[in-house]
């Protein structure tokens, strides 16, 4: 009710790239590759951040995920957080595919 989000995914590009823009009444932020740019009423600030297109970055996330999984098994720690995260990820991707198939915006609650 207080905002909107749009996500565009494509496999048709000639390269892997990630970008994001957030717009608000007091300013905006843009991410492109290794930079996060903040625009506020009093100026602009650029912050160096990891490039989400870098394969080694997301491969390392899988390594950490597997290490946490193994640790949970060894220590017999029960957690459902990963199930919820997985469910929400699949729900988001399903909405993206439905949007493409139906040619319209899909709202996720």
PDB file of N, CA and C in Angstrom:
ATOM      1  N   UNK A   1       0.817  -1.207   0.000  1.00  0.00           N
ATOM      2  CA  UNK A   1       0.000   0.000   0.000  1.00  0.00           C
ATOM      3  C   UNK A   1       0.856   1.265   0.000  1.00  0.00           C
ATOM      4  N   UNK A   2       2.127   1.152   0.431  1.00  0.00           N
ATOM      5  CA  UNK A   2       2.977   2.340   0.529  1.00  0.00           C
ATOM      6  C   UNK A   2       4.100   2.367  -0.499  1.00  0.00           C
ATOM      7  N   UNK A   3       4.105   1.434  -1.452  1.00  0.00           N
ATOM      8  CA  UNK A   3       5.181   1.434  -2.414  1.00  0.00           C
ATOM      9  C   UNK A   3       4.999   0.360  -3.460  1.00  0.00           C
ATOM     10  N   UNK A   4       5.946   0.272  -4.341  1.00  0.00           N
ATOM     11  CA  UNK A   4       5.900  -0.726  -5.406  1.00  0.00           C
ATOM     12  C   UNK A   4       7.306  -1.233  -5.666  1.00  0.00           C
ATOM     13  N   UNK A   5       7.381  -2.465  -6.104  1.00  0.00           N
ATOM     14  CA  UNK A   5       8.651  -3.076  -6.460  1.00  0.00           C
ATOM     15  C   UNK A   5       8.508  -3.700  -7.831  1.00  0.00           C
ATOM     16  N   UNK A   6       9.526  -3.564  -8.644  1.00  0.00           N
ATOM     17  CA  UNK A   6       9.520  -4.205  -9.956  1.00  0.00           C
ATOM     18  C   UNK A   6      10.832  -4.952 -10.107  1.00  0.00           C
ATOM     19  N   UNK A   7      10.748  -6.210 -10.516  1.00  0.00           N
ATOM     20  CA  UNK A   7      11.939  -7.028 -10.736  1.00  0.00           C
ATOM     21  C   UNK A   7      11.909  -7.501 -12.184  1.00  0.00           C
ATOM     22  N   UNK A   8      12.997  -7.269 -12.906  1.00  0.00           N
ATOM     23  CA  UNK A   8      13.114  -7.726 -14.280  1.00  0.00           C
ATOM     24  C   UNK A   8      14.233  -8.750 -14.360  1.00  0.00           C
ATOM     25  N   UNK A   9      13.928  -9.909 -14.887  1.00  0.00           N
ATOM     26  CA  UNK A   9      14.914 -10.975 -15.058  1.00  0.00           C
ATOM     27  C   UNK A   9      14.990 -11.320 -16.536  1.00  0.00           C
ATOM     28  N   UNK A  10      16.204 -11.585 -17.032  1.00  0.00           N
ATOM     29  CA  UNK A  10      16.339 -12.023 -18.413  1.00  0.00           C
ATOM     30  C   UNK A  10      17.527 -12.963 -18.546  1.00  0.00           C
ATOM     31  N   UNK A  11      17.381 -13.894 -19.438  1.00  0.00           N
ATOM     32  CA  UNK A  11      18.518 -14.744 -19.810  1.00  0.00           C
ATOM     33  C   UNK A  11      18.937 -14.422 -21.241  1.00  0.00           C
ATOM     34  N   UNK A  12      18.341 -13.395 -21.801  1.00  0.00           N
ATOM     35  CA  UNK A  12      18.605 -13.033 -23.182  1.00  0.00           C
ATOM     36  C   UNK A  12      19.757 -12.063 -23.363  1.00  0.00           C
ATOM     37  N   UNK A  13      20.384 -11.643 -22.293  1.00  0.00           N
ATOM     38  CA  UNK A  13      21.480 -10.681 -22.402  1.00  0.00           C
ATOM     39  C   UNK A  13      22.765 -11.362 -22.857  1.00  0.00           C
ATOM     40  N   UNK A  14      23.677 -10.566 -23.373  1.00  0.00           N
ATOM     41  CA  UNK A  14      24.955 -11.106 -23.843  1.00  0.00           C
ATOM     42  C   UNK A  14      25.985 -11.223 -22.726  1.00  0.00           C
ATOM     43  N   UNK A  15      25.604 -10.796 -21.508  1.00  0.00           N
ATOM     44  CA  UNK A  15      26.511 -10.892 -20.363  1.00  0.00           C
ATOM     45  C   UNK A  15      25.685 -10.944 -19.087  1.00  0.00           C
ATOM     46  N   UNK A  16      26.327 -11.339 -17.995  1.00  0.00           N
ATOM     47  CA  UNK A  16      25.666 -11.372 -16.691  1.00  0.00           C
ATOM     48  C   UNK A  16      25.842 -10.008 -16.036  1.00  0.00           C
ATOM     49  N   UNK A  17      24.749  -9.424 -15.585  1.00  0.00           N
ATOM     50  CA  UNK A  17      24.819  -8.122 -14.929  1.00  0.00           C
ATOM     51  C   UNK A  17      23.674  -7.999 -13.936  1.00  0.00           C
ATOM     52  N   UNK A  18      23.893  -7.266 -12.886  1.00  0.00           N
ATOM     53  CA  UNK A  18      22.878  -7.008 -11.874  1.00  0.00           C
ATOM     54  C   UNK A  18      22.818  -5.515 -11.623  1.00  0.00           C
ATOM     55  N   UNK A  19      21.598  -5.015 -11.465  1.00  0.00           N
ATOM     56  CA  UNK A  19      21.420  -3.613 -11.122  1.00  0.00           C
ATOM     57  C   UNK A  19      20.147  -3.475 -10.306  1.00  0.00           C
ATOM     58  N   UNK A  20      20.060  -2.400  -9.556  1.00  0.00           N
ATOM     59  CA  UNK A  20      18.870  -2.146  -8.751  1.00  0.00           C
ATOM     60  C   UNK A  20      18.750  -0.650  -8.522  1.00  0.00           C
ATOM     61  N   UNK A  21      17.519  -0.188  -8.442  1.00  0.00           N
ATOM     62  CA  UNK A  21      17.238   1.213  -8.142  1.00  0.00           C
ATOM     63  C   UNK A  21      16.148   1.268  -7.090  1.00  0.00           C
ATOM     64  N   UNK A  22      16.366   2.076  -6.063  1.00  0.00           N
ATOM     65  CA  UNK A  22      15.356   2.344  -5.046  1.00  0.00           C
ATOM     66  C   UNK A  22      15.093   3.837  -5.054  1.00  0.00           C
ATOM     67  N   UNK A  23      13.829   4.188  -5.132  1.00  0.00           N
ATOM     68  CA  UNK A  23      13.447   5.589  -5.172  1.00  0.00           C
ATOM     69  C   UNK A  23      12.536   5.882  -4.000  1.00  0.00           C
ATOM     70  N   UNK A  24      12.760   6.976  -3.335  1.00  0.00           N
ATOM     71  CA  UNK A  24      11.923   7.391  -2.217  1.00  0.00           C
ATOM     72  C   UNK A  24      11.738   8.892  -2.216  1.00  0.00           C
ATOM     73  N   UNK A  25      10.887   9.368  -1.341  1.00  0.00           N
ATOM     74  CA  UNK A  25      10.604  10.802  -1.319  1.00  0.00           C
ATOM     75  C   UNK A  25      11.813  11.623  -0.864  1.00  0.00           C
ATOM     76  N   UNK A  26      12.744  11.016  -0.124  1.00  0.00           N
ATOM     77  CA  UNK A  26      13.905  11.746   0.388  1.00  0.00           C
ATOM     78  C   UNK A  26      15.190  11.503  -0.389  1.00  0.00           C
ATOM     79  N   UNK A  27      15.148  10.590  -1.372  1.00  0.00           N
ATOM     80  CA  UNK A  27      16.355  10.310  -2.126  1.00  0.00           C
ATOM     81  C   UNK A  27      16.241   9.021  -2.894  1.00  0.00           C
ATOM     82  N   UNK A  28      17.373   8.549  -3.403  1.00  0.00           N
ATOM     83  CA  UNK A  28      17.389   7.304  -4.168  1.00  0.00           C
ATOM     84  C   UNK A  28      18.735   6.613  -4.013  1.00  0.00           C
ATOM     85  N   UNK A  29      18.747   5.330  -4.346  1.00  0.00           N
ATOM     86  CA  UNK A  29      19.986   4.555  -4.369  1.00  0.00           C
ATOM     87  C   UNK A  29      19.995   3.733  -5.648  1.00  0.00           C
ATOM     88  N   UNK A  30      21.161   3.612  -6.247  1.00  0.00           N
ATOM     89  CA  UNK A  30      21.328   2.812  -7.450  1.00  0.00           C
ATOM     90  C   UNK A  30      22.502   1.868  -7.268  1.00  0.00           C
ATOM     91  N   UNK A  31      22.307   0.617  -7.669  1.00  0.00           N
ATOM     92  CA  UNK A  31      23.390  -0.369  -7.634  1.00  0.00           C
ATOM     93  C   UNK A  31      23.667  -0.803  -9.064  1.00  0.00           C
ATOM     94  N   UNK A  32      24.922  -0.773  -9.449  1.00  0.00           N
ATOM     95  CA  UNK A  32      25.327  -1.270 -10.758  1.00  0.00           C
ATOM     96  C   UNK A  32      26.729  -1.826 -10.614  1.00  0.00           C
ATOM     97  N   UNK A  33      26.819  -3.149 -10.714  1.00  0.00           N
ATOM     98  CA  UNK A  33      28.125  -3.780 -10.586  1.00  0.00           C
ATOM     99  C   UNK A  33      28.714  -3.600  -9.217  1.00  0.00           C
ATOM    100  N   UNK A  34      29.836  -2.954  -9.126  1.00  0.00           N
ATOM    101  CA  UNK A  34      30.529  -2.816  -7.852  1.00  0.00           C
ATOM    102  C   UNK A  34      30.313  -1.496  -7.150  1.00  0.00           C
ATOM    103  N   UNK A  35      29.255  -0.770  -7.503  1.00  0.00           N
ATOM    104  CA  UNK A  35      29.021   0.526  -6.875  1.00  0.00           C
ATOM    105  C   UNK A  35      27.577   0.688  -6.426  1.00  0.00           C
ATOM    106  N   UNK A  36      27.427   1.263  -5.240  1.00  0.00           N
ATOM    107  CA  UNK A  36      26.130   1.666  -4.722  1.00  0.00           C
ATOM    108  C   UNK A  36      26.173   3.187  -4.635  1.00  0.00           C
ATOM    109  N   UNK A  37      25.278   3.841  -5.337  1.00  0.00           N
ATOM    110  CA  UNK A  37      25.278   5.298  -5.385  1.00  0.00           C
ATOM    111  C   UNK A  37      24.043   5.818  -4.659  1.00  0.00           C
ATOM    112  N   UNK A  38      24.283   6.634  -3.634  1.00  0.00           N
ATOM    113  CA  UNK A  38      23.192   7.221  -2.856  1.00  0.00           C
ATOM    114  C   UNK A  38      23.021   8.678  -3.270  1.00  0.00           C
ATOM    115  N   UNK A  39      21.797   9.040  -3.581  1.00  0.00           N
ATOM    116  CA  UNK A  39      21.463  10.418  -3.952  1.00  0.00           C
ATOM    117  C   UNK A  39      20.502  10.951  -2.900  1.00  0.00           C
ATOM    118  N   UNK A  40      20.932  11.959  -2.162  1.00  0.00           N
ATOM    119  CA  UNK A  40      20.086  12.591  -1.150  1.00  0.00           C
ATOM    120  C   UNK A  40      19.984  14.064  -1.475  1.00  0.00           C
ATOM    121  N   UNK A  41      19.108  14.757  -0.791  1.00  0.00           N
ATOM    122  CA  UNK A  41      18.912  16.185  -1.047  1.00  0.00           C
ATOM    123  C   UNK A  41      20.184  16.992  -0.816  1.00  0.00           C
ATOM    124  N   UNK A  42      21.100  16.462   0.000  1.00  0.00           N
ATOM    125  CA  UNK A  42      22.322  17.212   0.299  1.00  0.00           C
ATOM    126  C   UNK A  42      23.561  16.689  -0.431  1.00  0.00           C
ATOM    127  N   UNK A  43      23.377  15.798  -1.407  1.00  0.00           N
ATOM    128  CA  UNK A  43      24.532  15.345  -2.175  1.00  0.00           C
ATOM    129  C   UNK A  43      24.468  13.890  -2.588  1.00  0.00           C
ATOM    130  N   UNK A  44      25.552  13.428  -3.183  1.00  0.00           N
ATOM    131  CA  UNK A  44      25.669  12.073  -3.698  1.00  0.00           C
ATOM    132  C   UNK A  44      26.871  11.400  -3.059  1.00  0.00           C
ATOM    133  N   UNK A  45      26.705  10.120  -2.746  1.00  0.00           N
ATOM    134  CA  UNK A  45      27.791   9.345  -2.153  1.00  0.00           C
ATOM    135  C   UNK A  45      27.894   8.019  -2.901  1.00  0.00           C
ATOM    136  N   UNK A  46      29.098   7.625  -3.285  1.00  0.00           N
ATOM    137  CA  UNK A  46      29.332   6.355  -3.962  1.00  0.00           C
ATOM    138  C   UNK A  46      30.078   5.417  -3.020  1.00  0.00           C
ATOM    139  N   UNK A  47      29.554   4.202  -2.878  1.00  0.00           N
ATOM    140  CA  UNK A  47      30.141   3.201  -1.989  1.00  0.00           C
ATOM    141  C   UNK A  47      30.534   1.990  -2.835  1.00  0.00           C
ATOM    142  N   UNK A  48      31.745   1.524  -2.656  1.00  0.00           N
ATOM    143  CA  UNK A  48      32.205   0.319  -3.351  1.00  0.00           C
ATOM    144  C   UNK A  48      31.624  -0.908  -2.649  1.00  0.00           C
ATOM    145  N   UNK A  49      30.974  -1.784  -3.410  1.00  0.00           N
ATOM    146  CA  UNK A  49      30.367  -3.006  -2.871  1.00  0.00           C
ATOM    147  C   UNK A  49      30.729  -4.184  -3.768  1.00  0.00           C
ATOM    148  N   UNK A  50      30.586  -5.423  -3.270  1.00  0.00           N
ATOM    149  CA  UNK A  50      30.875  -6.576  -4.126  1.00  0.00           C
ATOM    150  C   UNK A  50      29.960  -6.608  -5.352  1.00  0.00           C
ATOM    151  N   UNK A  51      30.497  -7.045  -6.464  1.00  0.00           N
ATOM    152  CA  UNK A  51      29.729  -7.172  -7.702  1.00  0.00           C
ATOM    153  C   UNK A  51      28.942  -8.475  -7.662  1.00  0.00           C
ATOM    154  N   UNK A  52      27.628  -8.387  -7.598  1.00  0.00           N
ATOM    155  CA  UNK A  52      26.774  -9.576  -7.517  1.00  0.00           C
ATOM    156  C   UNK A  52      26.869 -10.446  -8.764  1.00  0.00           C
ATOM    157  N   UNK A  53      27.434  -9.934  -9.853  1.00  0.00           N
ATOM    158  CA  UNK A  53      27.619 -10.723 -11.073  1.00  0.00           C
ATOM    159  C   UNK A  53      28.855 -11.606 -11.014  1.00  0.00           C
ATOM    160  N   UNK A  54      29.700 -11.379 -10.031  1.00  0.00           N
ATOM    161  CA  UNK A  54      30.931 -12.149  -9.874  1.00  0.00           C
ATOM    162  C   UNK A  54      30.584 -13.554  -9.374  1.00  0.00           C
ATOM    163  N   UNK A  55      30.830 -14.546 -10.195  1.00  0.00           N
ATOM    164  CA  UNK A  55      30.449 -15.923  -9.863  1.00  0.00           C
ATOM    165  C   UNK A  55      31.064 -16.389  -8.549  1.00  0.00           C
ATOM    166  N   UNK A  56      32.281 -15.986  -8.250  1.00  0.00           N
ATOM    167  CA  UNK A  56      32.920 -16.436  -7.005  1.00  0.00           C
ATOM    168  C   UNK A  56      32.154 -15.929  -5.785  1.00  0.00           C
ATOM    169  N   UNK A  57      31.478 -14.791  -5.911  1.00  0.00           N
ATOM    170  CA  UNK A  57      30.696 -14.245  -4.798  1.00  0.00           C
ATOM    171  C   UNK A  57      29.529 -15.162  -4.451  1.00  0.00           C
ATOM    172  N   UNK A  58      28.741 -15.552  -5.454  1.00  0.00           N
ATOM    173  CA  UNK A  58      27.598 -16.387  -5.108  1.00  0.00           C
ATOM    174  C   UNK A  58      27.981 -17.845  -4.886  1.00  0.00           C
ATOM    175  N   UNK A  59      29.076 -18.312  -5.446  1.00  0.00           N
ATOM    176  CA  UNK A  59      29.550 -19.659  -5.130  1.00  0.00           C
ATOM    177  C   UNK A  59      29.933 -19.726  -3.652  1.00  0.00           C
ATOM    178  N   UNK A  60      30.578 -18.678  -3.139  1.00  0.00           N
ATOM    179  CA  UNK A  60      30.955 -18.663  -1.724  1.00  0.00           C
ATOM    180  C   UNK A  60      29.724 -18.665  -0.817  1.00  0.00           C
ATOM    181  N   UNK A  61      28.600 -18.094  -1.292  1.00  0.00           N
ATOM    182  CA  UNK A  61      27.371 -18.141  -0.497  1.00  0.00           C
ATOM    183  C   UNK A  61      26.879 -19.582  -0.362  1.00  0.00           C
ATOM    184  N   UNK A  62      26.999 -20.360  -1.437  1.00  0.00           N
ATOM    185  CA  UNK A  62      26.595 -21.773  -1.374  1.00  0.00           C
ATOM    186  C   UNK A  62      27.502 -22.555  -0.437  1.00  0.00           C
ATOM    187  N   UNK A  63      28.787 -22.239  -0.455  1.00  0.00           N
ATOM    188  CA  UNK A  63      29.731 -22.910   0.447  1.00  0.00           C
ATOM    189  C   UNK A  63      29.321 -22.646   1.895  1.00  0.00           C
ATOM    190  N   UNK A  64      29.045 -21.381   2.236  1.00  0.00           N
ATOM    191  CA  UNK A  64      28.614 -21.040   3.601  1.00  0.00           C
ATOM    192  C   UNK A  64      27.296 -21.735   3.951  1.00  0.00           C
ATOM    193  N   UNK A  65      26.376 -21.804   3.001  1.00  0.00           N
ATOM    194  CA  UNK A  65      25.097 -22.467   3.231  1.00  0.00           C
ATOM    195  C   UNK A  65      25.306 -23.944   3.574  1.00  0.00           C
ATOM    196  N   UNK A  66      26.162 -24.610   2.823  1.00  0.00           N
ATOM    197  CA  UNK A  66      26.451 -26.020   3.087  1.00  0.00           C
ATOM    198  C   UNK A  66      27.170 -26.198   4.422  1.00  0.00           C
ATOM    199  N   UNK A  67      28.082 -25.298   4.748  1.00  0.00           N
ATOM    200  CA  UNK A  67      28.772 -25.374   6.047  1.00  0.00           C
ATOM    201  C   UNK A  67      27.773 -25.224   7.196  1.00  0.00           C
ATOM    202  N   UNK A  68      26.834 -24.302   7.074  1.00  0.00           N
ATOM    203  CA  UNK A  68      25.805 -24.121   8.106  1.00  0.00           C
ATOM    204  C   UNK A  68      24.924 -25.362   8.218  1.00  0.00           C
ATOM    205  N   UNK A  69      24.591 -25.950   7.082  1.00  0.00           N
ATOM    206  CA  UNK A  69      23.769 -27.158   7.063  1.00  0.00           C
ATOM    207  C   UNK A  69      24.477 -28.317   7.778  1.00  0.00           C
ATOM    208  N   UNK A  70      25.738 -28.524   7.446  1.00  0.00           N
ATOM    209  CA  UNK A  70      26.523 -29.592   8.076  1.00  0.00           C
ATOM    210  C   UNK A  70      26.665 -29.340   9.570  1.00  0.00           C
ATOM    211  N   UNK A  71      26.933 -28.085   9.955  1.00  0.00           N
ATOM    212  CA  UNK A  71      27.058 -27.725  11.362  1.00  0.00           C
ATOM    213  C   UNK A  71      25.750 -28.006  12.114  1.00  0.00           C
ATOM    214  N   UNK A  72      24.623 -27.692  11.492  1.00  0.00           N
ATOM    215  CA  UNK A  72      23.319 -27.946  12.128  1.00  0.00           C
ATOM    216  C   UNK A  72      23.092 -29.437  12.355  1.00  0.00           C
ATOM    217  N   UNK A  73      23.501 -30.245  11.397  1.00  0.00           N
ATOM    218  CA  UNK A  73      23.353 -31.700  11.540  1.00  0.00           C
ATOM    219  C   UNK A  73      24.256 -32.211  12.664  1.00  0.00           C
ATOM    220  N   UNK A  74      25.513 -31.777  12.634  1.00  0.00           N
ATOM    221  CA  UNK A  74      26.467 -32.255  13.636  1.00  0.00           C
ATOM    222  C   UNK A  74      26.086 -31.833  15.048  1.00  0.00           C
ATOM    223  N   UNK A  75      25.547 -30.627  15.203  1.00  0.00           N
ATOM    224  CA  UNK A  75      25.176 -30.127  16.528  1.00  0.00           C
ATOM    225  C   UNK A  75      23.705 -30.382  16.852  1.00  0.00           C
ATOM    226  N   UNK A  76      22.996 -31.044  15.931  1.00  0.00           N
ATOM    227  CA  UNK A  76      21.569 -31.356  16.107  1.00  0.00           C
ATOM    228  C   UNK A  76      20.748 -30.116  16.439  1.00  0.00           C
ATOM    229  N   UNK A  77      21.043 -29.016  15.698  1.00  0.00           N
ATOM    230  CA  UNK A  77      20.304 -27.768  15.881  1.00  0.00           C
ATOM    231  C   UNK A  77      19.150 -27.750  14.883  1.00  0.00           C
ATOM    232  N   UNK A  78      17.939 -27.642  15.378  1.00  0.00           N
ATOM    233  CA  UNK A  78      16.774 -27.567  14.499  1.00  0.00           C
ATOM    234  C   UNK A  78      16.505 -26.107  14.135  1.00  0.00           C
ATOM    235  N   UNK A  79      16.300 -25.855  12.866  1.00  0.00           N
ATOM    236  CA  UNK A  79      15.983 -24.512  12.397  1.00  0.00           C
ATOM    237  C   UNK A  79      15.123 -24.626  11.150  1.00  0.00           C
ATOM    238  N   UNK A  80      14.113 -23.787  11.066  1.00  0.00           N
ATOM    239  CA  UNK A  80      13.252 -23.778   9.879  1.00  0.00           C
ATOM    240  C   UNK A  80      13.473 -22.523   9.038  1.00  0.00           C
ATOM    241  N   UNK A  81      14.412 -21.665   9.428  1.00  0.00           N
ATOM    242  CA  UNK A  81      14.646 -20.415   8.698  1.00  0.00           C
ATOM    243  C   UNK A  81      14.995 -20.686   7.238  1.00  0.00           C
ATOM    244  N   UNK A  82      15.800 -21.696   6.964  1.00  0.00           N
ATOM    245  CA  UNK A  82      16.204 -21.991   5.595  1.00  0.00           C
ATOM    246  C   UNK A  82      15.017 -22.494   4.765  1.00  0.00           C
ATOM    247  N   UNK A  83      14.079 -23.168   5.406  1.00  0.00           N
ATOM    248  CA  UNK A  83      12.888 -23.632   4.688  1.00  0.00           C
ATOM    249  C   UNK A  83      12.046 -22.426   4.269  1.00  0.00           C
ATOM    250  N   UNK A  84      11.853 -21.479   5.182  1.00  0.00           N
ATOM    251  CA  UNK A  84      11.086 -20.271   4.874  1.00  0.00           C
ATOM    252  C   UNK A  84      11.755 -19.464   3.769  1.00  0.00           C
ATOM    253  N   UNK A  85      13.076 -19.322   3.841  1.00  0.00           N
ATOM    254  CA  UNK A  85      13.794 -18.581   2.808  1.00  0.00           C
ATOM    255  C   UNK A  85      13.657 -19.263   1.450  1.00  0.00           C
ATOM    256  N   UNK A  86      13.781 -20.578   1.436  1.00  0.00           N
ATOM    257  CA  UNK A  86      13.618 -21.330   0.192  1.00  0.00           C
ATOM    258  C   UNK A  86      12.219 -21.172  -0.378  1.00  0.00           C
ATOM    259  N   UNK A  87      11.219 -21.253   0.486  1.00  0.00           N
ATOM    260  CA  UNK A  87       9.826 -21.096   0.061  1.00  0.00           C
ATOM    261  C   UNK A  87       9.596 -19.716  -0.554  1.00  0.00           C
ATOM    262  N   UNK A  88      10.079 -18.675   0.114  1.00  0.00           N
ATOM    263  CA  UNK A  88       9.891 -17.317  -0.393  1.00  0.00           C
ATOM    264  C   UNK A  88      10.625 -17.104  -1.723  1.00  0.00           C
ATOM    265  N   UNK A  89      11.792 -17.713  -1.873  1.00  0.00           N
ATOM    266  CA  UNK A  89      12.540 -17.610  -3.124  1.00  0.00           C
ATOM    267  C   UNK A  89      11.765 -18.246  -4.263  1.00  0.00           C
ATOM    268  N   UNK A  90      11.249 -19.452  -4.035  1.00  0.00           N
ATOM    269  CA  UNK A  90      10.469 -20.139  -5.068  1.00  0.00           C
ATOM    270  C   UNK A  90       9.194 -19.351  -5.386  1.00  0.00           C
ATOM    271  N   UNK A  91       8.554 -18.798  -4.363  1.00  0.00           N
ATOM    272  CA  UNK A  91       7.344 -17.999  -4.560  1.00  0.00           C
ATOM    273  C   UNK A  91       7.646 -16.778  -5.445  1.00  0.00           C
ATOM    274  N   UNK A  92       8.764 -16.106  -5.194  1.00  0.00           N
ATOM    275  CA  UNK A  92       9.157 -14.944  -5.992  1.00  0.00           C
ATOM    276  C   UNK A  92       9.450 -15.342  -7.437  1.00  0.00           C
ATOM    277  N   UNK A  93      10.229 -16.400  -7.625  1.00  0.00           N
ATOM    278  CA  UNK A  93      10.547 -16.848  -8.984  1.00  0.00           C
ATOM    279  C   UNK A  93       9.299 -17.279  -9.737  1.00  0.00           C
ATOM    280  N   UNK A  94       8.377 -17.964  -9.051  1.00  0.00           N
ATOM    281  CA  UNK A  94       7.124 -18.373  -9.680  1.00  0.00           C
ATOM    282  C   UNK A  94       6.332 -17.147 -10.140  1.00  0.00           C
ATOM    283  N   UNK A  95       6.301 -16.108  -9.318  1.00  0.00           N
ATOM    284  CA  UNK A  95       5.606 -14.879  -9.695  1.00  0.00           C
ATOM    285  C   UNK A  95       6.259 -14.228 -10.918  1.00  0.00           C
ATOM    286  N   UNK A  96       7.595 -14.277 -10.999  1.00  0.00           N
ATOM    287  CA  UNK A  96       8.300 -13.731 -12.157  1.00  0.00           C
ATOM    288  C   UNK A  96       7.914 -14.479 -13.430  1.00  0.00           C
ATOM    289  N   UNK A  97       7.931 -15.805 -13.372  1.00  0.00           N
ATOM    290  CA  UNK A  97       7.561 -16.602 -14.542  1.00  0.00           C
ATOM    291  C   UNK A  97       6.097 -16.402 -14.915  1.00  0.00           C
ATOM    292  N   UNK A  98       5.224 -16.302 -13.932  1.00  0.00           N
ATOM    293  CA  UNK A  98       3.805 -16.061 -14.194  1.00  0.00           C
ATOM    294  C   UNK A  98       3.617 -14.707 -14.862  1.00  0.00           C
ATOM    295  N   UNK A  99       4.363 -13.693 -14.401  1.00  0.00           N
ATOM    296  CA  UNK A  99       4.288 -12.367 -14.994  1.00  0.00           C
ATOM    297  C   UNK A  99       4.659 -12.388 -16.471  1.00  0.00           C
ATOM    298  N   UNK A 100       5.728 -13.105 -16.796  1.00  0.00           N
ATOM    299  CA  UNK A 100       6.158 -13.209 -18.197  1.00  0.00           C
ATOM    300  C   UNK A 100       5.109 -13.951 -19.020  1.00  0.00           C
ATOM    301  N   UNK A 101       4.647 -15.060 -18.495  1.00  0.00           N
ATOM    302  CA  UNK A 101       3.681 -15.898 -19.217  1.00  0.00           C
ATOM    303  C   UNK A 101       2.370 -15.145 -19.466  1.00  0.00           C
ATOM    304  N   UNK A 102       1.891 -14.407 -18.473  1.00  0.00           N
ATOM    305  CA  UNK A 102       0.611 -13.716 -18.590  1.00  0.00           C
ATOM    306  C   UNK A 102       0.736 -12.278 -19.092  1.00  0.00           C
ATOM    307  N   UNK A 103       1.981 -11.775 -19.153  1.00  0.00           N
ATOM    308  CA  UNK A 103       2.201 -10.432 -19.644  1.00  0.00           C
ATOM    309  C   UNK A 103       1.622  -9.340 -18.766  1.00  0.00           C
ATOM    310  N   UNK A 104       1.650  -9.561 -17.453  1.00  0.00           N
ATOM    311  CA  UNK A 104       1.125  -8.554 -16.545  1.00  0.00           C
ATOM    312  C   UNK A 104       1.910  -8.559 -15.245  1.00  0.00           C
ATOM    313  N   UNK A 105       1.714  -7.514 -14.450  1.00  0.00           N
ATOM    314  CA  UNK A 105       2.354  -7.394 -13.151  1.00  0.00           C
ATOM    315  C   UNK A 105       1.687  -8.346 -12.168  1.00  0.00           C
ATOM    316  N   UNK A 106       2.475  -9.039 -11.381  1.00  0.00           N
ATOM    317  CA  UNK A 106       1.975  -9.974 -10.369  1.00  0.00           C
ATOM    318  C   UNK A 106       2.244  -9.377  -8.998  1.00  0.00           C
ATOM    319  N   UNK A 107       1.233  -9.364  -8.170  1.00  0.00           N
ATOM    320  CA  UNK A 107       1.373  -8.854  -6.812  1.00  0.00           C
ATOM    321  C   UNK A 107       1.638 -10.013  -5.858  1.00  0.00           C
ATOM    322  N   UNK A 108       2.642  -9.832  -4.993  1.00  0.00           N
ATOM    323  CA  UNK A 108       2.981 -10.839  -3.994  1.00  0.00           C
ATOM    324  C   UNK A 108       2.666 -10.266  -2.634  1.00  0.00           C
ATOM    325  N   UNK A 109       1.903 -11.016  -1.825  1.00  0.00           N
ATOM    326  CA  UNK A 109       1.568 -10.527  -0.494  1.00  0.00           C
ATOM    327  C   UNK A 109       2.648 -10.891   0.491  1.00  0.00           C
TER     328      UNK A 109
END
